[in-house]
Amino acid sequence: MINAAMVNGIFLKTLRDMRTALLWSALGLFLMSLYLVTFFPSIEENYATLTEIFERMGPTITALTGGEMDISTVEGFLATKVFSLTYPVILIAFGIAFGAGLVGGEEESGTLDVLLATPVARWRVVLAKFAALVAFVAVVLAATFLGFVAGAKLVDLETMRTGRILAGVINLGPLTLFFAALALALSCWRNARGPALGVPVAVAAGSWLIHALASVSDIPAWLHKLTPWYYYDGQRALLHGPRLGGMLLLLVLAVALVAVAAWSLEHRDVGV
């Protein structure tokens, strides 16, 4: 009972520590989502001109800017220009920054030794902190979805399929948690904030480049399938529903990385 109460306390304290970032992140993505949907009617009005511009860009530039997609619908517009890159990058940045700081930040500030001196196993500390990050991501995703819904109401966009938008937003979760767990695992493995931030950023950027160019280059299919972006596939999720197997795989990998984080913290000296 005492351990459970202390784990809950760690979870709640971690959320309190992130409350300012959570407030501004949720508000920012809510407003951004609202704006994007209210902006769509102007896309409809200039559809022919924009389509011609996209056709002149060439296949490589098109692939790097979201891929070919019909922007005549709000789902197509969001899938191509928002869910393919913009929102994943924002959420991955959140995930990496907070994932690296859950343990690494406390170790750098000298408060981790006090936390680990309590009668709570180190692995429980890791799980409680990551659970707080999961809650953070869930709140931000909920605010993102509500922004899309509010935007559609504001401009009477009755053609927007809310279920597809919800599927696209939920699909962002596993990708975000995968990179957050990778940052957490690296920060628990050794007391070095740089690699915990830099390695996930490099993996995210490098794997996205492979994913983006796979359709217009000779990149091997097996290499493409090694990228987390292949299993995220934000465009497909919004237009045809999420790839459930891909979502599950990313979640399983995130859980495995959290387990690595817990094991690593258990088996190394904490620097203060």
Protein backbone atom coordinates (compact mmCIF):
# COMPACT_ATOMS: atom_id res chain seq x y z
CA MET A 1 0.00 0.00 0.00
CA ILE A 2 2.83 2.40 0.89
CA ASN A 3 4.67 1.61 -2.35
CA ALA A 4 1.49 2.10 -4.39
CA ALA A 5 0.86 5.47 -2.75
CA MET A 6 4.42 6.57 -3.40
CA VAL A 7 4.27 5.45 -7.04
CA ASN A 8 1.07 7.46 -7.44
CA GLY A 9 2.83 10.39 -5.83
CA ILE A 10 5.71 10.13 -8.32
CA PHE A 11 3.19 9.99 -11.19
CA LEU A 12 1.31 13.06 -9.97
CA LYS A 13 4.48 15.02 -9.17
CA THR A 14 5.82 14.35 -12.68
CA LEU A 15 2.58 15.63 -14.16
CA ARG A 16 2.71 18.71 -11.92
CA ASP A 17 6.25 19.38 -13.07
CA MET A 18 5.04 19.27 -16.69
CA ARG A 19 1.82 21.22 -16.13
CA THR A 20 2.98 24.48 -17.72
CA ALA A 21 4.33 22.71 -20.79
CA LEU A 22 1.17 20.61 -20.93
CA LEU A 23 -1.08 23.67 -20.82
CA TRP A 24 0.74 25.53 -23.57
CA SER A 25 1.26 22.45 -25.74
CA ALA A 26 -2.41 21.50 -25.58
CA LEU A 27 -3.55 25.07 -26.19
CA GLY A 28 -1.10 25.55 -29.05
CA LEU A 29 -2.13 22.40 -30.91
CA PHE A 30 -5.81 23.12 -30.27
CA LEU A 31 -5.49 26.55 -31.89
CA MET A 32 -3.30 25.25 -34.71
CA SER A 33 -5.81 22.50 -35.53
CA LEU A 34 -8.68 24.97 -35.41
CA TYR A 35 -6.84 27.32 -37.78
CA LEU A 36 -5.97 24.58 -40.27
CA VAL A 37 -9.58 23.47 -40.62
CA THR A 38 -10.90 27.02 -40.93
CA PHE A 39 -8.22 27.63 -43.60
CA PHE A 40 -9.44 24.71 -45.73
CA PRO A 41 -12.31 26.58 -47.50
CA SER A 42 -9.71 28.82 -49.16
CA ILE A 43 -7.93 25.65 -50.35
CA GLU A 44 -11.17 24.51 -51.97
CA GLU A 45 -11.56 27.84 -53.75
CA ASN A 46 -8.04 27.68 -55.21
CA TYR A 47 -7.91 23.92 -55.74
CA ALA A 48 -7.10 24.04 -59.48
CA THR A 49 -4.24 26.51 -59.05
CA LEU A 50 -2.72 24.63 -56.12
CA THR A 51 -2.97 21.30 -57.94
CA GLU A 52 -1.10 22.77 -60.89
CA ILE A 53 1.64 24.05 -58.57
CA PHE A 54 2.02 20.65 -56.95
CA GLU A 55 2.25 18.94 -60.33
CA ARG A 56 5.14 21.23 -61.32
CA MET A 57 7.12 20.45 -58.18
CA GLY A 58 8.36 17.09 -59.42
CA PRO A 59 8.13 13.69 -57.68
CA THR A 60 11.09 14.14 -55.31
CA ILE A 61 9.98 17.53 -53.95
CA THR A 62 6.40 16.27 -53.75
CA ALA A 63 7.54 13.27 -51.70
CA LEU A 64 9.52 15.49 -49.33
CA THR A 65 6.58 17.85 -48.81
CA GLY A 66 3.98 15.23 -47.97
CA GLY A 67 3.46 13.12 -51.06
CA GLU A 68 0.84 13.16 -53.76
CA MET A 69 -2.69 13.42 -52.44
CA ASP A 70 -6.05 14.82 -53.41
CA ILE A 71 -6.45 18.05 -51.42
CA SER A 72 -10.03 18.54 -52.58
CA THR A 73 -11.22 17.08 -49.25
CA VAL A 74 -10.29 18.24 -45.77
CA GLU A 75 -9.03 14.75 -44.95
CA GLY A 76 -6.78 14.74 -48.01
CA PHE A 77 -5.47 18.22 -47.20
CA LEU A 78 -4.69 17.32 -43.58
CA ALA A 79 -3.22 13.93 -44.51
CA THR A 80 -0.82 15.47 -47.02
CA LYS A 81 0.21 18.70 -45.38
CA VAL A 82 -0.31 18.08 -41.65
CA PHE A 83 -0.28 14.43 -40.58
CA SER A 84 2.48 13.35 -42.94
CA LEU A 85 5.13 15.55 -41.30
CA THR A 86 4.11 18.68 -39.37
CA TYR A 87 2.22 17.15 -36.44
CA PRO A 88 4.46 14.07 -36.13
CA VAL A 89 7.53 16.33 -35.91
CA ILE A 90 5.92 18.51 -33.23
CA LEU A 91 4.83 15.55 -31.12
CA ILE A 92 8.08 13.65 -31.57
CA ALA A 93 9.92 16.76 -30.37
CA PHE A 94 7.72 16.80 -27.26
CA GLY A 95 8.27 13.09 -26.71
CA ILE A 96 12.05 13.21 -27.06
CA ALA A 97 12.47 16.32 -24.92
CA PHE A 98 10.34 15.04 -22.05
CA GLY A 99 11.45 11.42 -22.42
CA ALA A 100 15.08 12.44 -22.03
CA GLY A 101 14.24 14.65 -19.05
CA LEU A 102 12.10 12.26 -17.01
CA VAL A 103 15.14 10.69 -15.37
CA GLY A 104 18.02 12.59 -16.93
CA GLY A 105 16.68 15.96 -15.84
CA GLU A 106 16.38 14.88 -12.22
CA GLU A 107 19.83 13.31 -12.31
CA GLU A 108 21.37 16.52 -13.64
CA SER A 109 19.62 18.63 -11.00
CA GLY A 110 20.73 16.28 -8.20
CA THR A 111 17.22 15.32 -7.08
CA LEU A 112 17.21 11.77 -8.44
CA ASP A 113 19.24 10.37 -5.54
CA VAL A 114 16.62 11.70 -3.11
CA LEU A 115 13.84 10.08 -5.13
CA LEU A 116 15.66 6.75 -5.34
CA ALA A 117 16.33 6.80 -1.59
CA THR A 118 12.61 6.19 -1.01
CA PRO A 119 11.42 2.58 -0.55
CA VAL A 120 10.29 2.34 -4.18
CA ALA A 121 12.05 0.12 -6.69
CA ARG A 122 13.83 1.98 -9.44
CA TRP A 123 11.82 0.22 -12.13
CA ARG A 124 8.64 1.49 -10.50
CA VAL A 125 10.00 5.04 -10.63
CA VAL A 126 10.64 4.65 -14.37
CA LEU A 127 7.15 3.26 -15.00
CA ALA A 128 5.46 6.00 -12.96
CA LYS A 129 7.33 8.72 -14.79
CA PHE A 130 6.64 7.26 -18.22
CA ALA A 131 2.95 6.82 -17.29
CA ALA A 132 2.87 10.57 -16.61
CA LEU A 133 4.30 11.19 -20.08
CA VAL A 134 1.63 8.91 -21.58
CA ALA A 135 -1.01 11.04 -19.83
CA PHE A 136 0.69 14.19 -21.18
CA VAL A 137 0.53 12.85 -24.75
CA ALA A 138 -3.10 11.76 -24.32
CA VAL A 139 -4.18 15.23 -23.18
CA VAL A 140 -2.32 16.93 -26.03
CA LEU A 141 -3.87 14.57 -28.59
CA ALA A 142 -7.33 15.17 -27.14
CA ALA A 143 -6.83 18.94 -27.44
CA THR A 144 -5.62 18.47 -31.03
CA PHE A 145 -8.76 16.53 -31.97
CA LEU A 146 -11.04 19.05 -30.27
CA GLY A 147 -9.34 21.81 -32.25
CA PHE A 148 -10.22 20.09 -35.52
CA VAL A 149 -13.83 19.60 -34.39
CA ALA A 150 -14.14 23.22 -33.22
CA GLY A 151 -12.71 24.46 -36.50
CA ALA A 152 -15.20 22.42 -38.52
CA LYS A 153 -18.06 23.82 -36.43
CA LEU A 154 -16.77 27.36 -36.82
CA VAL A 155 -16.89 27.28 -40.65
CA ASP A 156 -19.81 24.81 -40.95
CA LEU A 157 -17.60 22.20 -42.60
CA GLU A 158 -20.14 19.39 -42.62
CA THR A 159 -18.11 17.27 -45.07
CA MET A 160 -15.35 16.56 -42.55
CA ARG A 161 -15.43 12.94 -41.39
CA THR A 162 -14.80 13.24 -37.66
CA GLY A 163 -14.09 9.53 -37.25
CA ARG A 164 -11.24 9.67 -39.76
CA ILE A 165 -9.76 12.74 -38.06
CA LEU A 166 -9.92 10.94 -34.71
CA ALA A 167 -8.18 7.90 -36.22
CA GLY A 168 -5.42 10.12 -37.59
CA VAL A 169 -4.92 11.83 -34.23
CA ILE A 170 -4.84 8.55 -32.29
CA ASN A 171 -2.33 7.20 -34.80
CA LEU A 172 0.13 9.90 -33.67
CA GLY A 173 0.27 8.39 -30.17
CA PRO A 174 2.33 5.22 -30.76
CA LEU A 175 4.90 7.06 -32.89
CA THR A 176 5.32 9.73 -30.21
CA LEU A 177 5.65 7.19 -27.41
CA PHE A 178 8.20 5.15 -29.36
CA PHE A 179 10.58 8.10 -29.63
CA ALA A 180 9.86 9.19 -26.05
CA ALA A 181 10.71 5.68 -24.81
CA LEU A 182 13.91 5.65 -26.88
CA ALA A 183 15.01 8.93 -25.27
CA LEU A 184 14.11 7.60 -21.81
CA ALA A 185 16.06 4.37 -22.37
CA LEU A 186 19.17 6.27 -23.44
CA SER A 187 18.93 8.65 -20.47
CA CYS A 188 18.65 5.70 -18.06
CA TRP A 189 21.47 3.79 -19.72
CA ARG A 190 24.03 6.48 -18.96
CA ASN A 191 24.11 9.94 -17.42
CA ALA A 192 24.45 11.88 -20.67
CA ARG A 193 21.65 14.18 -21.82
CA GLY A 194 23.24 14.79 -25.22
CA PRO A 195 22.89 11.25 -26.62
CA ALA A 196 19.44 10.90 -25.07
CA LEU A 197 18.33 13.88 -27.14
CA GLY A 198 20.57 13.56 -30.19
CA VAL A 199 20.20 9.88 -31.03
CA PRO A 200 16.37 9.89 -31.19
CA VAL A 201 16.44 13.08 -33.27
CA ALA A 202 18.90 11.47 -35.68
CA VAL A 203 16.79 8.30 -35.88
CA ALA A 204 13.62 10.31 -36.47
CA ALA A 205 15.17 12.48 -39.20
CA GLY A 206 17.09 9.71 -40.95
CA SER A 207 14.21 7.24 -40.95
CA TRP A 208 11.78 9.90 -42.19
CA LEU A 209 14.08 10.67 -45.13
CA ILE A 210 14.16 6.99 -46.06
CA HIS A 211 10.36 6.80 -45.75
CA ALA A 212 9.76 9.96 -47.79
CA LEU A 213 12.06 8.94 -50.64
CA ALA A 214 11.12 5.26 -50.74
CA SER A 215 8.46 5.84 -53.40
CA VAL A 216 10.72 7.83 -55.75
CA SER A 217 14.09 6.09 -55.34
CA ASP A 218 15.67 2.64 -55.29
CA ILE A 219 15.63 2.36 -51.51
CA PRO A 220 15.18 -1.37 -50.65
CA ALA A 221 11.77 -2.32 -49.32
CA TRP A 222 13.34 -4.08 -46.32
CA LEU A 223 15.12 -0.88 -45.31
CA HIS A 224 11.90 1.11 -45.61
CA LYS A 225 10.15 -1.39 -43.33
CA LEU A 226 12.77 -0.81 -40.65
CA THR A 227 11.64 2.80 -40.22
CA PRO A 228 9.01 3.72 -37.60
CA TRP A 229 7.42 6.03 -40.18
CA TYR A 230 6.48 3.05 -42.32
CA TYR A 231 4.29 1.75 -39.50
CA TYR A 232 2.94 5.19 -38.65
CA ASP A 233 1.84 6.03 -42.24
CA GLY A 234 -0.14 9.14 -41.30
CA GLN A 235 -1.64 9.68 -44.75
CA ARG A 236 -3.15 6.22 -44.92
CA ALA A 237 -4.49 6.43 -41.36
CA LEU A 238 -6.49 9.57 -42.11
CA LEU A 239 -7.91 8.41 -45.44
CA HIS A 240 -8.41 4.68 -44.92
CA GLY A 241 -8.06 4.10 -41.21
CA PRO A 242 -4.92 3.36 -39.16
CA ARG A 243 -2.76 0.32 -39.74
CA LEU A 244 -3.54 -1.43 -36.46
CA GLY A 245 -0.63 -3.84 -36.77
CA GLY A 246 1.75 -0.92 -37.23
CA MET A 247 0.33 0.90 -34.22
CA LEU A 248 0.63 -2.23 -32.10
CA LEU A 249 4.23 -2.80 -33.19
CA LEU A 250 5.24 0.75 -32.25
CA LEU A 251 3.55 0.36 -28.86
CA VAL A 252 5.30 -2.98 -28.25
CA LEU A 253 8.64 -1.39 -29.14
CA ALA A 254 7.89 1.50 -26.78
CA VAL A 255 7.12 -0.93 -23.95
CA ALA A 256 10.34 -2.83 -24.69
CA LEU A 257 12.36 0.40 -24.56
CA VAL A 258 10.75 1.36 -21.24
CA ALA A 259 11.74 -2.09 -19.93
CA VAL A 260 15.31 -1.42 -21.10
CA ALA A 261 15.17 1.95 -19.32
CA ALA A 262 14.02 0.33 -16.07
CA TRP A 263 16.69 -2.39 -16.27
CA SER A 264 19.41 0.14 -17.06
CA LEU A 265 18.56 2.36 -14.10
CA GLU A 266 18.50 -0.65 -11.82
CA HIS A 267 21.98 -1.72 -12.86
CA ARG A 268 24.05 1.45 -12.90
CA ASP A 269 25.29 4.00 -10.41
CA VAL A 270 23.37 7.25 -10.38
CA GLY A 271 25.55 10.32 -10.87
CA VAL A 272 24.80 13.34 -8.69
